[in-house]
Amino acid sequence: MKERVVIFVSVVFVILFLLDLYSFKGVKLLAEDISKKSTQGLLLKGYWVFNVFIYLLFVAEVFLFEKYRVPGYTPYFFIANALIMMSIFSKLIFVLFHGANDLVYWTKMIGEYLFSAPKVDEETATKISRGKFLTYVGAGLAAVPAGAFLYGMLKGRYDFRVIKKTLSFDNLPKAFDGLKVVQISDIHIGSFPKGHPSVQRAVEQINELEPDVILFTGDLVNNLAIETDGWVDVMKQMKAKYGKYSILGNHDYGMYVPWENKNDQIANFDAVKQANRDMGFDLLLDENRVLEKDGERIGILGVENWGEGFLKKGDLNKALSGTEGLPFKMLLSHDPSHWDAQVRDTDIDVTLSGHTHGMQFGIEIPGIKWSPVKYRYPRWAGLYQEGKQFLYVNRGFGYHAYAGRIGMAPEITELTLTKA
């Protein structure tokens, strides 16, 4: 196993070093325009100091990998991931432009060699200026992902936004006309630095909405129940007129931990479920609850995790049991792939999901809604409708894998249900 790790690290190191070496060629080209030699030297040395730092982060992640699930280490691993990704993406864009001139140059050289094409001295005279121009363009464009990753780390992952939608239904009982439902999803509480004030601010934002119902659609933790230590008193401050309901997400089962003892996994799972309850949530495990107001009733259903390519544990039929006489039903199901696979064949009116995080990266501006995650999940963020049924996919409260959100802010959803 250790030999495989060494081989993996060595291969990655070679690839990173070659990328850095070629990038350095471009940096040297740009440094030629700096008249002050000391500044030139500072730029060139600074380039390698930064890259050595990135190498050290990578090595630390590889050889301390077993610690990344430990809550005290997890936030730092995710920050390291973000810095490594920032470095790689920025350099790839830089070398794409810096290398364009070299590609043209070598293509011409090969063409001249093979076909004896006539050489034009004037072209040779312009190659340096063209190469430098493209390198400057590459440097400018490389600053975009670098700035985006820095923003995502420093502010984007904590910049909660409230998205408000109004949904109308013919079959919504009149007593529930105007019901305000607040949804959160994918808290991943172990990703936040302990005691970070952003979580408290988000809870206050939720309470300011004065929700009738709060629905949490899973992934309280990354892996371990101890991630909730110190957070229960904060999360239990969320208040809703008719209660708070939750379900489990794939991460809540501890399925990504190499447990040596099955009993430890069971104990961890039980503790995650208890943490939901300690935070004031009514945890729905293939169950349903009935909300009653002025003699009229609606159903809130919750299933265990069911997802294409993930754990398929949820039992929708079990959750539906006993709701046959209810005129209106809301379902909590963590993975949005469940909607197309099973839910649309039922009479459930609204399904709330999360899971995708919008990949914590994307573009959402008028006329453009895109994230790489759309190629895995066709229904990856926001509101979807088929016939009279709705699905809403929350972009997530927390973050996972890398400490950042770029163009995909953490979300608090407010859904107002009205009678058509």
Protein backbone atom coordinates (compact mmCIF):
# COMPACT_ATOMS: atom_id res chain seq x y z
CA MET A 1 0.00 0.00 0.00
CA LYS A 2 2.81 2.39 0.91
CA GLU A 3 4.53 1.66 -2.39
CA ARG A 4 1.36 2.58 -4.28
CA VAL A 5 1.13 5.84 -2.34
CA VAL A 6 4.75 6.67 -3.14
CA ILE A 7 4.20 5.93 -6.84
CA PHE A 8 1.03 8.06 -6.88
CA VAL A 9 2.74 10.98 -5.13
CA SER A 10 5.75 10.72 -7.46
CA VAL A 11 3.63 10.76 -10.62
CA VAL A 12 1.57 13.72 -9.43
CA PHE A 13 4.73 15.54 -8.41
CA VAL A 14 6.24 15.08 -11.86
CA ILE A 15 3.07 16.39 -13.53
CA LEU A 16 2.85 19.38 -11.19
CA PHE A 17 6.53 20.15 -11.60
CA LEU A 18 6.36 20.06 -15.39
CA LEU A 19 3.34 22.36 -15.29
CA ASP A 20 5.16 24.71 -12.93
CA LEU A 21 8.33 24.60 -15.01
CA TYR A 22 6.52 25.60 -18.17
CA SER A 23 4.56 28.27 -16.29
CA PHE A 24 7.86 29.61 -14.97
CA LYS A 25 9.03 30.07 -18.56
CA GLY A 26 6.10 32.44 -19.05
CA VAL A 27 6.71 34.20 -15.75
CA LYS A 28 10.33 34.83 -16.77
CA LEU A 29 9.13 36.29 -20.06
CA LEU A 30 6.88 38.72 -18.20
CA ALA A 31 9.63 39.55 -15.69
CA GLU A 32 11.80 40.86 -18.54
CA ASP A 33 9.62 43.98 -18.63
CA ILE A 34 10.39 44.80 -15.00
CA SER A 35 13.29 47.24 -15.00
CA LYS A 36 14.25 46.83 -11.36
CA LYS A 37 16.32 43.66 -10.95
CA SER A 38 15.43 43.24 -7.29
CA THR A 39 11.72 43.22 -8.14
CA GLN A 40 12.41 40.74 -10.91
CA GLY A 41 14.18 38.45 -8.49
CA LEU A 42 11.42 38.78 -5.91
CA LEU A 43 8.80 37.77 -8.49
CA LEU A 44 10.76 34.73 -9.67
CA LYS A 45 11.65 33.58 -6.18
CA GLY A 46 8.11 34.21 -4.96
CA TYR A 47 6.79 31.96 -7.73
CA TRP A 48 8.78 29.01 -6.44
CA VAL A 49 8.12 29.76 -2.78
CA PHE A 50 4.39 29.57 -3.48
CA ASN A 51 4.76 26.35 -5.45
CA VAL A 52 6.87 24.68 -2.75
CA PHE A 53 4.09 25.60 -0.33
CA ILE A 54 1.55 23.89 -2.63
CA TYR A 55 3.79 20.80 -2.84
CA LEU A 56 3.97 20.65 0.95
CA LEU A 57 0.18 20.91 1.21
CA PHE A 58 -0.19 18.05 -1.24
CA VAL A 59 2.29 15.84 0.62
CA ALA A 60 0.62 16.62 3.94
CA GLU A 61 -2.78 15.66 2.54
CA VAL A 62 -1.47 12.35 1.20
CA PHE A 63 0.40 11.25 4.31
CA LEU A 64 -2.15 12.59 6.82
CA PHE A 65 -5.11 11.38 4.80
CA GLU A 66 -6.53 9.25 7.60
CA LYS A 67 -6.99 12.43 9.67
CA TYR A 68 -9.14 14.33 7.20
CA ARG A 69 -12.32 12.90 8.76
CA VAL A 70 -11.30 14.15 12.21
CA PRO A 71 -13.28 17.36 12.83
CA GLY A 72 -10.24 19.26 14.07
CA TYR A 73 -8.42 18.59 10.79
CA THR A 74 -11.23 18.58 8.22
CA PRO A 75 -11.52 22.38 7.69
CA TYR A 76 -7.77 22.60 7.02
CA PHE A 77 -7.87 19.76 4.51
CA PHE A 78 -10.66 21.52 2.64
CA ILE A 79 -8.70 24.80 2.65
CA ALA A 80 -5.66 22.95 1.31
CA ASN A 81 -7.81 21.43 -1.44
CA ALA A 82 -9.05 24.88 -2.43
CA LEU A 83 -5.51 26.30 -2.61
CA ILE A 84 -4.25 23.37 -4.67
CA MET A 85 -7.19 23.66 -7.07
CA MET A 86 -6.66 27.41 -7.35
CA SER A 87 -3.00 26.87 -8.23
CA ILE A 88 -3.69 24.19 -10.85
CA PHE A 89 -6.59 25.91 -12.62
CA SER A 90 -4.80 29.26 -12.76
CA LYS A 91 -1.66 27.71 -14.24
CA LEU A 92 -3.58 25.67 -16.79
CA ILE A 93 -5.18 28.83 -18.16
CA PHE A 94 -1.83 30.63 -18.11
CA VAL A 95 0.03 27.92 -20.02
CA LEU A 96 -2.83 27.58 -22.49
CA PHE A 97 -2.15 31.10 -23.74
CA HIS A 98 1.58 31.15 -23.13
CA GLY A 99 1.90 27.87 -24.99
CA ALA A 100 -0.23 29.00 -27.95
CA ASN A 101 2.68 30.92 -29.47
CA ASP A 102 5.06 27.99 -28.95
CA LEU A 103 2.55 25.73 -30.67
CA VAL A 104 2.38 28.05 -33.67
CA TYR A 105 6.15 28.37 -33.74
CA TRP A 106 6.85 24.63 -33.66
CA THR A 107 4.09 23.92 -36.15
CA LYS A 108 5.77 26.31 -38.59
CA MET A 109 9.19 24.86 -37.88
CA ILE A 110 7.98 21.32 -38.57
CA GLY A 111 6.18 22.51 -41.69
CA GLU A 112 9.32 24.21 -42.98
CA TYR A 113 11.38 21.12 -42.28
CA LEU A 114 8.97 18.72 -43.96
CA PHE A 115 7.88 20.83 -46.89
CA SER A 116 10.77 23.27 -47.29
CA ALA A 117 8.42 26.19 -46.90
CA PRO A 118 10.12 29.55 -47.39
CA LYS A 119 11.21 31.27 -44.19
CA VAL A 120 10.16 34.85 -43.63
CA ASP A 121 12.52 36.87 -41.48
CA GLU A 122 9.81 39.39 -40.62
CA GLU A 123 7.81 36.65 -38.88
CA THR A 124 10.77 35.75 -36.71
CA ALA A 125 11.02 39.35 -35.68
CA THR A 126 7.44 39.39 -34.46
CA LYS A 127 7.40 36.08 -32.59
CA ILE A 128 8.63 37.50 -29.30
CA SER A 129 6.06 40.30 -29.20
CA ARG A 130 3.27 37.92 -30.11
CA GLY A 131 4.41 35.43 -27.49
CA LYS A 132 4.66 38.11 -24.84
CA PHE A 133 1.23 39.46 -25.73
CA LEU A 134 -0.37 36.02 -25.39
CA THR A 135 1.48 35.46 -22.13
CA TYR A 136 0.12 38.72 -20.76
CA VAL A 137 -3.39 37.67 -21.82
CA GLY A 138 -2.87 34.33 -20.11
CA ALA A 139 -1.67 36.02 -16.93
CA GLY A 140 -4.70 38.29 -16.91
CA LEU A 141 -7.13 35.44 -17.45
CA ALA A 142 -5.34 33.24 -14.90
CA ALA A 143 -6.07 35.91 -12.32
CA VAL A 144 -9.80 35.21 -12.75
CA PRO A 145 -9.85 31.68 -11.23
CA ALA A 146 -7.25 32.73 -8.67
CA GLY A 147 -9.43 35.62 -7.53
CA ALA A 148 -12.56 33.47 -7.66
CA PHE A 149 -11.07 30.76 -5.46
CA LEU A 150 -9.81 33.33 -2.97
CA TYR A 151 -13.22 34.98 -2.83
CA GLY A 152 -14.89 31.58 -2.49
CA MET A 153 -12.66 30.71 0.46
CA LEU A 154 -12.71 34.03 2.28
CA LYS A 155 -16.31 35.09 1.72
CA GLY A 156 -18.28 32.94 -0.72
CA ARG A 157 -18.68 29.92 1.56
CA TYR A 158 -20.17 32.10 4.30
CA ASP A 159 -22.29 34.46 2.17
CA PHE A 160 -25.73 32.96 2.77
CA ARG A 161 -28.50 34.05 0.42
CA VAL A 162 -32.24 33.62 0.81
CA ILE A 163 -34.04 32.44 -2.31
CA LYS A 164 -37.80 32.96 -2.27
CA LYS A 165 -40.33 31.10 -4.41
CA THR A 166 -44.12 30.99 -4.42
CA LEU A 167 -45.87 27.78 -5.46
CA SER A 168 -49.60 27.53 -6.19
CA PHE A 169 -51.76 24.41 -5.91
CA ASP A 170 -55.40 23.68 -6.59
CA ASN A 171 -55.49 21.02 -3.88
CA LEU A 172 -53.83 22.96 -1.06
CA PRO A 173 -56.32 23.22 1.83
CA LYS A 174 -57.47 26.80 2.37
CA ALA A 175 -56.23 26.80 5.97
CA PHE A 176 -52.66 26.42 4.69
CA ASP A 177 -52.86 29.15 2.06
CA GLY A 178 -49.71 31.24 2.54
CA LEU A 179 -47.81 28.55 4.47
CA LYS A 180 -44.16 29.63 4.69
CA VAL A 181 -41.75 26.71 4.38
CA VAL A 182 -38.03 27.28 4.96
CA GLN A 183 -35.69 24.61 3.63
CA ILE A 184 -32.03 24.06 4.41
CA SER A 185 -29.88 21.18 3.24
CA ASP A 186 -26.36 19.75 3.43
CA ILE A 187 -25.20 21.51 6.57
CA HIS A 188 -21.94 19.50 6.69
CA ILE A 189 -21.29 21.06 10.06
CA GLY A 190 -17.84 19.47 10.41
CA SER A 191 -16.57 21.58 7.51
CA PHE A 192 -17.02 24.82 9.44
CA PRO A 193 -14.26 25.98 11.79
CA LYS A 194 -15.51 25.45 15.33
CA GLY A 195 -17.60 28.35 16.54
CA HIS A 196 -17.50 30.21 13.23
CA PRO A 197 -19.99 33.11 13.47
CA SER A 198 -21.39 32.50 9.98
CA VAL A 199 -23.50 29.61 11.26
CA GLN A 200 -25.04 31.76 13.99
CA ARG A 201 -25.76 34.50 11.43
CA ALA A 202 -27.45 31.97 9.13
CA VAL A 203 -29.65 30.75 11.99
CA GLU A 204 -30.64 34.36 12.67
CA GLN A 205 -31.45 34.84 8.97
CA ILE A 206 -33.73 31.81 9.12
CA ASN A 207 -35.55 33.09 12.20
CA GLU A 208 -36.00 36.52 10.64
CA LEU A 209 -38.07 34.84 7.92
CA GLU A 210 -40.54 33.74 10.63
CA PRO A 211 -41.10 30.31 9.06
CA ASP A 212 -44.18 28.21 9.68
CA VAL A 213 -42.18 25.04 9.04
CA ILE A 214 -38.44 24.34 8.75
CA LEU A 215 -37.44 21.34 6.63
CA PHE A 216 -33.85 20.04 6.64
CA THR A 217 -33.05 17.63 3.82
CA GLY A 218 -30.02 15.78 5.13
CA ASP A 219 -26.23 15.63 5.45
CA LEU A 220 -25.88 17.10 8.92
CA VAL A 221 -22.28 15.83 9.11
CA ASN A 222 -19.47 14.83 6.80
CA ASN A 223 -18.91 11.49 8.50
CA LEU A 224 -18.86 11.55 12.30
CA ALA A 225 -21.39 12.48 14.94
CA ILE A 226 -18.73 14.28 16.99
CA GLU A 227 -18.70 16.98 14.32
CA THR A 228 -21.87 18.32 15.96
CA ASP A 229 -20.09 18.96 19.28
CA GLY A 230 -20.49 22.63 20.14
CA TRP A 231 -23.10 23.23 17.44
CA VAL A 232 -26.26 21.75 18.95
CA ASP A 233 -27.11 24.85 21.00
CA VAL A 234 -26.64 27.03 17.92
CA MET A 235 -28.78 24.94 15.56
CA LYS A 236 -31.57 24.41 18.08
CA GLN A 237 -32.17 28.19 18.06
CA MET A 238 -34.01 27.82 14.74
CA LYS A 239 -37.71 28.27 15.41
CA ALA A 240 -40.80 27.44 13.35
CA LYS A 241 -44.49 27.84 14.19
CA TYR A 242 -45.48 24.29 13.26
CA GLY A 243 -42.20 22.51 13.86
CA LYS A 244 -38.86 21.45 12.37
CA TYR A 245 -38.46 18.24 10.39
CA SER A 246 -35.37 16.50 9.03
CA ILE A 247 -34.13 13.47 7.12
CA LEU A 248 -30.76 11.82 6.61
CA GLY A 249 -28.36 12.27 3.71
CA ASN A 250 -25.75 9.87 2.39
CA HIS A 251 -22.99 11.35 4.57
CA ASP A 252 -24.99 10.84 7.76
CA TYR A 253 -24.63 7.06 7.57
CA GLY A 254 -20.85 7.14 8.12
CA MET A 255 -20.47 5.07 4.96
CA TYR A 256 -17.23 6.78 3.90
CA VAL A 257 -15.30 5.79 7.02
CA PRO A 258 -13.23 2.56 7.04
CA TRP A 259 -14.75 1.30 10.28
CA GLU A 260 -12.80 -1.47 11.97
CA ASN A 261 -15.79 -2.36 14.09
CA LYS A 262 -19.36 -2.48 12.75
CA ASN A 263 -20.69 -1.62 16.19
CA ASP A 264 -18.77 1.67 16.08
CA GLN A 265 -20.52 2.59 12.84
CA ILE A 266 -23.90 1.74 14.34
CA ALA A 267 -23.13 3.82 17.43
CA ASN A 268 -22.02 6.74 15.25
CA PHE A 269 -25.18 6.49 13.16
CA ASP A 270 -27.35 6.46 16.27
CA ALA A 271 -25.51 9.53 17.54
CA VAL A 272 -26.10 11.40 14.25
CA LYS A 273 -29.80 10.66 14.51
CA GLN A 274 -29.82 11.82 18.13
CA ALA A 275 -28.02 15.04 17.16
CA ASN A 276 -30.87 15.82 14.76
CA ARG A 277 -33.32 15.39 17.61
CA ASP A 278 -31.20 17.38 20.06
CA MET A 279 -31.25 20.26 17.57
CA GLY A 280 -35.03 20.19 17.72
CA PHE A 281 -35.75 18.31 14.49
CA ASP A 282 -38.37 15.63 14.17
CA LEU A 283 -36.32 13.10 12.23
CA LEU A 284 -38.38 11.25 9.61
CA LEU A 285 -37.11 7.77 8.76
CA ASP A 286 -39.50 6.57 6.04
CA GLU A 287 -42.25 8.19 8.07
CA ASN A 288 -44.86 10.90 7.81
CA ARG A 289 -46.39 13.55 9.99
CA VAL A 290 -49.69 15.37 9.68
CA LEU A 291 -50.01 19.13 10.10
CA GLU A 292 -53.48 20.19 11.17
CA LYS A 293 -54.90 23.70 11.09
CA ASP A 294 -58.53 24.82 11.38
CA GLY A 295 -59.65 21.24 10.90
CA GLU A 296 -57.72 20.75 7.65
CA ARG A 297 -54.65 18.56 7.20
CA ILE A 298 -51.56 18.16 5.02
CA GLY A 299 -48.76 15.59 5.13
CA ILE A 300 -45.01 15.93 5.58
CA LEU A 301 -43.14 12.79 4.51
CA GLY A 302 -39.47 11.93 4.89
CA VAL A 303 -37.43 9.06 3.47
CA GLU A 304 -34.00 7.76 4.26
CA ASN A 305 -31.38 8.34 1.61
CA TRP A 306 -32.27 7.09 -1.88
CA GLY A 307 -30.02 8.10 -4.76
CA GLU A 308 -28.83 6.84 -8.12
CA GLY A 309 -25.23 5.76 -7.59
CA PHE A 310 -25.53 6.18 -3.83
CA LEU A 311 -27.22 4.40 -0.95
CA LYS A 312 -30.76 3.30 -1.87
CA LYS A 313 -32.14 2.82 1.62
CA GLY A 314 -35.30 4.92 1.56
CA ASP A 315 -38.69 3.21 1.39
CA LEU A 316 -41.14 5.61 -0.26
CA ASN A 317 -44.11 3.27 0.07
CA LYS A 318 -43.51 3.04 3.79
CA ALA A 319 -43.36 6.83 4.07
CA LEU A 320 -46.64 7.11 2.12
CA SER A 321 -48.43 4.59 4.31
CA GLY A 322 -51.38 6.22 6.05
CA THR A 323 -51.42 9.37 3.92
CA GLU A 324 -54.01 8.15 1.42
CA GLY A 325 -56.70 10.52 2.68
CA LEU A 326 -54.54 13.65 2.79
CA PRO A 327 -55.22 16.19 0.02
CA PHE A 328 -51.67 17.60 -0.05
CA LYS A 329 -48.24 16.06 0.56
CA MET A 330 -44.69 17.36 0.87
CA LEU A 331 -41.72 14.96 0.70
CA LEU A 332 -38.19 15.34 2.01
CA SER A 333 -35.77 13.22 -0.04
CA HIS A 334 -32.08 14.05 0.05
CA ASP A 335 -31.06 13.05 -3.48
CA PRO A 336 -32.94 14.71 -6.39
CA SER A 337 -32.49 11.64 -8.61
CA HIS A 338 -35.17 10.01 -6.44
CA TRP A 339 -37.81 12.32 -7.92
CA ASP A 340 -37.61 11.03 -11.47
CA ALA A 341 -36.93 7.45 -10.40
CA GLN A 342 -39.90 6.99 -8.03
CA VAL A 343 -41.59 10.10 -6.70
CA ARG A 344 -43.22 11.25 -9.93
CA ASP A 345 -45.24 8.02 -9.96
CA THR A 346 -46.99 9.08 -6.75
CA ASP A 347 -49.41 11.85 -5.78
CA ILE A 348 -46.76 13.79 -3.84
CA ASP A 349 -47.13 17.49 -4.63
CA VAL A 350 -43.77 18.96 -3.58
CA THR A 351 -40.42 17.24 -3.10
CA LEU A 352 -37.51 19.01 -1.41
CA SER A 353 -33.95 17.78 -2.02
CA GLY A 354 -30.33 18.87 -1.80
CA HIS A 355 -27.20 16.74 -2.18
CA THR A 356 -25.64 18.38 -5.26
CA HIS A 357 -24.38 21.61 -3.58
CA GLY A 358 -24.54 23.03 -7.12
CA MET A 359 -21.01 21.57 -7.02
CA GLN A 360 -20.17 24.78 -5.08
CA PHE A 361 -19.20 26.19 -8.46
CA GLY A 362 -21.23 27.59 -11.31
CA ILE A 363 -22.72 30.54 -13.15
CA GLU A 364 -26.21 31.77 -12.43
CA ILE A 365 -27.06 35.01 -14.19
CA PRO A 366 -30.13 35.97 -16.22
CA GLY A 367 -30.21 33.65 -19.21
CA ILE A 368 -27.39 31.38 -17.98
CA LYS A 369 -27.61 28.63 -15.38
CA TRP A 370 -24.67 26.25 -15.48
CA SER A 371 -22.54 24.08 -13.26
CA PRO A 372 -20.46 20.98 -14.10
CA VAL A 373 -22.73 19.01 -11.78
CA LYS A 374 -25.55 19.25 -14.36
CA TYR A 375 -23.84 16.48 -16.33
CA ARG A 376 -24.34 14.15 -13.36
CA TYR A 377 -27.64 15.49 -12.07
CA PRO A 378 -30.03 16.95 -14.67
CA ARG A 379 -32.03 18.46 -11.79
CA TRP A 380 -29.24 20.04 -9.80
CA ALA A 381 -30.44 23.37 -8.37
CA GLY A 382 -33.61 25.38 -8.04
CA LEU A 383 -37.20 24.67 -9.03
CA TYR A 384 -38.41 21.99 -11.45
CA GLN A 385 -41.95 21.10 -12.48
CA GLU A 386 -43.55 18.18 -14.27
CA GLY A 387 -47.31 18.42 -14.57
CA LYS A 388 -48.62 19.46 -11.18
CA GLN A 389 -45.65 18.13 -9.25
CA PHE A 390 -42.72 20.27 -8.09
CA LEU A 391 -39.15 19.51 -7.08
CA TYR A 392 -36.92 22.05 -5.36
CA VAL A 393 -33.18 21.34 -5.09
CA ASN A 394 -31.43 23.43 -2.45
CA ARG A 395 -27.82 24.41 -3.20
CA GLY A 396 -26.69 23.60 0.32
CA PHE A 397 -25.94 25.29 3.62
CA GLY A 398 -22.36 24.10 4.10
CA TYR A 399 -19.59 22.84 1.86
CA HIS A 400 -17.58 19.70 1.32
CA ALA A 401 -14.29 18.60 -0.31
CA TYR A 402 -12.98 22.13 -0.81
CA ALA A 403 -13.45 25.21 1.33
CA GLY A 404 -15.19 27.51 -1.07
CA ARG A 405 -18.23 28.46 -3.08
CA ILE A 406 -17.82 30.18 -6.42
CA GLY A 407 -20.94 31.56 -8.05
CA MET A 408 -23.01 29.14 -5.97
CA ALA A 409 -23.74 30.78 -2.63
CA PRO A 410 -24.93 28.78 0.38
CA GLU A 411 -28.71 28.80 0.33
CA ILE A 412 -31.65 29.28 2.62
CA THR A 413 -34.87 28.59 0.70
CA GLU A 414 -38.22 30.18 1.49
CA LEU A 415 -41.15 28.51 -0.26
CA THR A 416 -44.57 30.09 0.15
CA LEU A 417 -47.45 27.72 -0.64
CA THR A 418 -50.62 29.32 -1.93
CA LYS A 419 -54.01 28.04 -3.00
CA ALA A 420 -54.61 28.59 -6.71
